[in-house]
């Protein structure tokens, strides 16, 4: 399979930055059910003594990725459960992301405005958390190299009840359309290492999305593992920059459209030696309407 590598010069470096472009063959890790047929689970923190952190497998499989660079407008939330946006967050400097409080104070309002403007029918947004991932620093979470799809339908409804304190209002909102959308963007770019792969939601059958108990100290939630199927259409967006972002739909109460987008970080064998480690943020929000 042919690959393309583009050389660009960034303002912050006197040296060229090599960005892999074009189709790629990579390995992704997929869900494999527990051999004893038990309910799959994963602990968010240290499990009890003698209990494994997770009871399911995550074997690696070869996957072909399509580069969406240049064809960003071909994909949307209803058809694919993801959307690629360019020229966003122009006034948010890198320093914003060095403090969680500053992220909440200055970046959350920008994310809310973006979602209200970009998501059809959206009339209310509740941002409930964010994660900063830094591949080569130990102060933050690392890129997650496992195919997953975040929330089940039950977990999404539980989020509404958790973050809308008035229960009568929460039940009213649950009767209309609601979505969980992850706004994913690099903190700086172009991304050379551990880019993000994502599969069109319309190519993924419901039975390929497996509920996994997510055991937290105070409660048990549900996350979604992804079974391998050669019919899944996997993609990536090469060399994402800080002014680009992905809207990743984690769940949608409307079952007539693509409801979820499986996604995973991946190791690109074409990444240059010594490439800058990926730094990114994902902001998760309930979107009503």
Protein backbone atom coordinates (compact mmCIF):
# COMPACT_ATOMS: atom_id res chain seq x y z
CA UNK A 1 0.00 0.00 0.00
CA UNK A 2 1.42 3.37 -0.97
CA UNK A 3 2.19 5.92 1.69
CA UNK A 4 3.02 9.58 1.48
CA UNK A 5 5.25 11.60 3.80
CA UNK A 6 4.98 15.38 3.73
CA UNK A 7 7.74 17.69 4.95
CA UNK A 8 6.67 20.95 6.54
CA UNK A 9 8.46 23.55 8.60
CA UNK A 10 6.81 24.71 11.80
CA UNK A 11 7.36 28.17 13.30
CA UNK A 12 8.56 26.67 16.60
CA UNK A 13 11.37 24.63 15.07
CA UNK A 14 14.26 25.30 12.75
CA UNK A 15 14.14 21.68 11.62
CA UNK A 16 11.64 20.09 9.23
CA UNK A 17 8.87 18.04 10.77
CA UNK A 18 7.99 14.86 8.89
CA UNK A 19 4.31 14.07 8.86
CA UNK A 20 3.11 10.70 7.52
CA UNK A 21 0.22 11.10 5.09
CA UNK A 22 -1.97 8.76 3.09
CA UNK A 23 -3.24 5.21 3.72
CA UNK A 24 -1.57 3.14 6.41
CA UNK A 25 -1.46 -0.41 7.73
CA UNK A 26 -1.37 -0.44 11.54
CA UNK A 27 -2.21 -2.63 14.52
CA UNK A 28 -5.15 -1.85 16.81
CA UNK A 29 -6.16 -3.70 19.98
CA UNK A 30 -9.71 -5.05 20.05
CA UNK A 31 -12.03 -6.56 22.65
CA UNK A 32 -11.98 -10.31 23.24
CA UNK A 33 -14.60 -11.77 25.58
CA UNK A 34 -13.58 -13.49 28.84
CA UNK A 35 -12.85 -17.16 28.18
CA UNK A 36 -15.18 -18.26 30.98
CA UNK A 37 -18.16 -16.38 29.55
CA UNK A 38 -18.42 -14.02 32.52
CA UNK A 39 -19.44 -10.36 32.39
CA UNK A 40 -16.44 -8.30 31.21
CA UNK A 41 -15.20 -5.71 33.68
CA UNK A 42 -12.40 -3.19 34.16
CA UNK A 43 -11.30 -1.35 37.30
CA UNK A 44 -10.69 2.39 36.95
CA UNK A 45 -8.17 2.29 39.79
CA UNK A 46 -6.22 -0.37 41.71
CA UNK A 47 -8.37 -3.52 41.97
CA UNK A 48 -8.81 -5.52 45.18
CA UNK A 49 -5.91 -7.80 46.07
CA UNK A 50 -5.85 -10.92 43.93
CA UNK A 51 -8.33 -9.55 41.37
CA UNK A 52 -7.13 -8.69 37.85
CA UNK A 53 -7.61 -5.09 36.67
CA UNK A 54 -9.64 -6.43 33.71
CA UNK A 55 -10.93 -9.88 32.80
CA UNK A 56 -11.08 -9.63 29.01
CA UNK A 57 -8.48 -9.80 26.26
CA UNK A 58 -7.24 -7.09 23.90
CA UNK A 59 -5.51 -8.84 20.99
CA UNK A 60 -3.90 -6.77 18.22
CA UNK A 61 -5.24 -6.99 14.67
CA UNK A 62 -4.02 -5.48 11.41
CA UNK A 63 -6.23 -2.64 10.17
CA UNK A 64 -6.12 -0.52 7.02
CA UNK A 65 -6.57 3.20 7.68
CA UNK A 66 -7.84 5.79 5.21
CA UNK A 67 -6.47 9.32 5.58
CA UNK A 68 -9.38 11.80 5.54
CA UNK A 69 -7.05 14.79 4.94
CA UNK A 70 -8.53 16.76 2.04
CA UNK A 71 -11.92 15.02 2.33
CA UNK A 72 -13.00 16.28 5.75
CA UNK A 73 -16.41 17.47 4.53
CA UNK A 74 -17.41 13.93 3.46
CA UNK A 75 -18.10 12.90 7.08
CA UNK A 76 -20.70 14.01 9.60
CA UNK A 77 -22.12 13.11 13.00
CA UNK A 78 -25.34 11.48 11.81
CA UNK A 79 -23.75 9.33 9.09
CA UNK A 80 -20.38 8.53 10.64
CA UNK A 81 -20.63 9.56 14.32
CA UNK A 82 -17.64 11.88 13.85
CA UNK A 83 -17.00 15.23 12.24
CA UNK A 84 -13.72 16.98 11.34
CA UNK A 85 -13.51 20.74 11.92
CA UNK A 86 -10.81 23.19 10.86
CA UNK A 87 -9.91 26.72 11.93
CA UNK A 88 -11.36 26.37 15.43
CA UNK A 89 -10.33 27.81 18.82
CA UNK A 90 -8.07 30.48 17.25
CA UNK A 91 -7.69 32.50 20.46
CA UNK A 92 -6.88 29.65 22.89
CA UNK A 93 -3.11 29.55 23.62
CA UNK A 94 -1.17 26.42 24.57
CA UNK A 95 -0.63 27.75 28.10
CA UNK A 96 -4.37 27.38 28.77
CA UNK A 97 -3.94 23.60 28.93
CA UNK A 98 -1.26 23.64 31.60
CA UNK A 99 -3.93 24.10 34.31
CA UNK A 100 -7.17 22.17 34.73
CA UNK A 101 -8.79 25.22 36.28
CA UNK A 102 -7.78 27.37 33.33
CA UNK A 103 -9.17 24.75 30.94
CA UNK A 104 -12.51 24.92 32.76
CA UNK A 105 -12.49 28.73 32.96
CA UNK A 106 -11.50 29.62 29.41
CA UNK A 107 -11.71 26.53 27.20
CA UNK A 108 -15.03 25.07 28.34
CA UNK A 109 -16.99 28.17 27.16
CA UNK A 110 -15.29 27.90 23.75
CA UNK A 111 -16.23 24.22 23.49
CA UNK A 112 -19.83 24.99 24.46
CA UNK A 113 -20.09 27.65 21.75
CA UNK A 114 -18.57 25.30 19.17
CA UNK A 115 -21.04 22.51 19.95
CA UNK A 116 -24.05 24.83 19.87
CA UNK A 117 -22.91 26.15 16.49
CA UNK A 118 -21.86 22.85 14.89
CA UNK A 119 -24.30 20.21 16.15
CA UNK A 120 -27.66 20.23 14.38
CA UNK A 121 -30.54 20.91 16.77
CA UNK A 122 -28.34 21.52 19.81
CA UNK A 123 -29.89 23.96 22.30
CA UNK A 124 -28.09 23.08 25.54
CA UNK A 125 -24.63 21.78 26.43
CA UNK A 126 -23.36 20.44 29.76
CA UNK A 127 -19.61 19.77 29.84
CA UNK A 128 -18.89 17.16 32.48
CA UNK A 129 -15.16 16.43 32.27
CA UNK A 130 -11.95 16.53 30.26
CA UNK A 131 -8.75 14.55 29.93
CA UNK A 132 -5.36 15.85 28.82
CA UNK A 133 -3.07 13.21 27.32
CA UNK A 134 0.69 13.67 27.01
CA UNK A 135 2.56 10.75 25.52
CA UNK A 136 6.04 11.57 26.86
CA UNK A 137 5.18 13.22 30.18
CA UNK A 138 4.14 11.48 33.39
CA UNK A 139 1.97 14.34 34.64
CA UNK A 140 -1.05 13.40 32.52
CA UNK A 141 -2.86 10.40 31.07
CA UNK A 142 -1.28 8.60 28.12
CA UNK A 143 -2.89 8.05 24.71
CA UNK A 144 -5.19 5.01 24.94
CA UNK A 145 -4.16 2.26 22.50
CA UNK A 146 -7.38 0.24 22.73
CA UNK A 147 -10.39 0.36 20.40
CA UNK A 148 -13.33 1.64 22.45
CA UNK A 149 -16.54 3.65 22.08
CA UNK A 150 -16.92 5.26 25.54
CA UNK A 151 -20.54 5.18 26.85
CA UNK A 152 -23.35 2.65 26.49
CA UNK A 153 -26.93 3.94 26.12
CA UNK A 154 -27.56 3.15 29.79
CA UNK A 155 -24.42 5.01 30.85
CA UNK A 156 -25.40 8.01 28.72
CA UNK A 157 -28.82 8.22 30.39
CA UNK A 158 -27.13 7.90 33.79
CA UNK A 159 -24.93 10.88 32.90
CA UNK A 160 -27.99 12.99 32.23
CA UNK A 161 -29.46 12.08 35.62
CA UNK A 162 -26.10 12.71 37.30
CA UNK A 163 -25.45 16.15 35.84
CA UNK A 164 -29.00 17.54 35.74
CA UNK A 165 -29.79 17.95 39.47
CA UNK A 166 -33.53 18.52 39.00
CA UNK A 167 -34.78 15.00 38.41
CA UNK A 168 -38.03 16.10 36.80
CA UNK A 169 -36.03 18.19 34.34
CA UNK A 170 -33.65 15.29 33.74
CA UNK A 171 -36.52 12.93 32.89
CA UNK A 172 -37.96 15.52 30.50
CA UNK A 173 -34.60 15.88 28.75
CA UNK A 174 -34.33 12.09 28.47
CA UNK A 175 -37.59 12.00 26.49
CA UNK A 176 -36.00 14.12 23.74
CA UNK A 177 -32.77 13.69 21.80
CA UNK A 178 -29.49 13.84 23.69
CA UNK A 179 -25.93 12.98 22.75
CA UNK A 180 -22.55 12.63 24.41
CA UNK A 181 -19.90 14.25 22.23
CA UNK A 182 -16.16 14.25 22.83
CA UNK A 183 -14.33 17.30 21.44
CA UNK A 184 -10.83 16.00 20.64
CA UNK A 185 -7.96 18.24 19.61
CA UNK A 186 -4.15 18.37 19.70
CA UNK A 187 -2.60 20.92 22.02
CA UNK A 188 0.05 21.53 19.39
CA UNK A 189 0.74 20.14 15.99
CA UNK A 190 1.18 18.63 13.61
CA UNK A 191 0.61 15.28 15.35
CA UNK A 192 3.44 12.91 14.44
CA UNK A 193 3.18 10.22 17.12
CA UNK A 194 0.21 8.20 18.48
CA UNK A 195 -2.41 9.77 16.19
CA UNK A 196 -6.07 8.87 16.60
CA UNK A 197 -7.86 6.24 14.51
CA UNK A 198 -11.65 6.18 14.27
CA UNK A 199 -14.19 4.00 12.48
CA UNK A 200 -17.29 5.29 10.74
CA UNK A 201 -20.21 4.49 13.02
CA UNK A 202 -22.29 3.38 10.04
CA UNK A 203 -19.84 0.52 9.40
CA UNK A 204 -20.09 -0.93 12.91
CA UNK A 205 -22.85 -3.37 13.89
CA UNK A 206 -24.43 -3.08 17.34
CA UNK A 207 -23.20 -6.55 18.28
CA UNK A 208 -19.60 -5.39 17.75
CA UNK A 209 -19.99 -2.89 20.62
CA UNK A 210 -19.72 -4.72 23.93
CA UNK A 211 -20.73 -3.27 27.34
CA UNK A 212 -17.97 -3.53 29.94
CA UNK A 213 -18.51 -2.88 33.65
CA UNK A 214 -16.33 0.08 34.62
CA UNK A 215 -15.72 -0.25 38.35
CA UNK A 216 -15.07 3.08 40.05
CA UNK A 217 -14.56 3.59 43.79
CA UNK A 218 -18.01 5.15 44.29
CA UNK A 219 -20.05 3.53 41.52
CA UNK A 220 -20.03 1.12 38.60
CA UNK A 221 -20.49 2.56 35.13
CA UNK A 222 -20.30 1.08 31.66
CA UNK A 223 -17.77 1.55 28.88
CA UNK A 224 -17.78 0.00 25.42
CA UNK A 225 -15.31 -2.47 23.96
CA UNK A 226 -15.08 -3.02 20.21
CA UNK A 227 -14.92 -6.45 18.58
CA UNK A 228 -12.83 -6.72 15.42
CA UNK A 229 -14.69 -6.97 12.12
CA UNK A 230 -13.01 -6.57 8.75
CA UNK A 231 -16.05 -4.61 7.51
CA UNK A 232 -15.33 -1.68 9.84
CA UNK A 233 -14.10 1.38 7.94
CA UNK A 234 -11.18 2.77 9.93
CA UNK A 235 -9.67 6.20 9.26
CA UNK A 236 -7.36 8.84 10.68
CA UNK A 237 -6.69 12.54 10.03
CA UNK A 238 -3.02 12.96 9.22
CA UNK A 239 -0.95 15.68 10.84
CA UNK A 240 -3.73 17.24 12.89
CA UNK A 241 -2.88 20.75 14.06
CA UNK A 242 -3.88 22.77 17.10
CA UNK A 243 -6.57 24.63 15.10
CA UNK A 244 -8.29 21.38 14.09
CA UNK A 245 -10.60 19.18 16.14
CA UNK A 246 -12.72 16.07 15.90
CA UNK A 247 -16.23 15.73 17.23
CA UNK A 248 -16.50 12.11 18.38
CA UNK A 249 -20.02 10.94 19.19
CA UNK A 250 -19.90 8.60 22.18
CA UNK A 251 -23.63 7.92 22.25
CA UNK A 252 -26.86 9.17 20.65
CA UNK A 253 -30.39 8.52 21.86
CA UNK A 254 -31.56 8.62 18.22
CA UNK A 255 -31.19 5.02 17.04
CA UNK A 256 -31.92 5.95 13.40
CA UNK A 257 -28.42 7.40 12.89
CA UNK A 258 -24.84 6.27 13.55
CA UNK A 259 -24.81 6.19 17.34
CA UNK A 260 -21.12 5.77 18.27
CA UNK A 261 -17.65 6.08 16.81
CA UNK A 262 -15.06 3.47 17.85
CA UNK A 263 -11.65 5.09 18.24
CA UNK A 264 -8.11 4.34 19.42
CA UNK A 265 -4.64 5.80 19.46
CA UNK A 266 -2.25 3.88 17.23
CA UNK A 267 1.48 3.52 16.69
CA UNK A 268 2.28 4.73 13.19
CA UNK A 269 5.28 2.78 11.86
CA UNK A 270 6.05 5.77 9.61
CA UNK A 271 6.49 8.22 12.51
CA UNK A 272 10.04 9.62 12.39
CA UNK A 273 12.52 8.63 15.12
CA UNK A 274 12.40 11.08 18.00
CA UNK A 275 9.05 12.48 16.93
CA UNK A 276 7.36 14.81 19.41
CA UNK A 277 4.98 12.91 21.68
CA UNK A 278 1.32 13.58 21.10
CA UNK A 279 -0.32 16.10 23.42
CA UNK A 280 -4.11 16.34 23.21
CA UNK A 281 -7.27 17.18 25.09
CA UNK A 282 -10.70 15.58 24.98
CA UNK A 283 -13.64 17.47 26.45
CA UNK A 284 -16.81 15.43 27.04
CA UNK A 285 -20.21 17.02 26.91
CA UNK A 286 -23.90 16.22 27.04
CA UNK A 287 -25.57 17.85 24.02
CA UNK A 288 -29.36 18.22 24.12
CA UNK A 289 -31.49 18.68 21.02
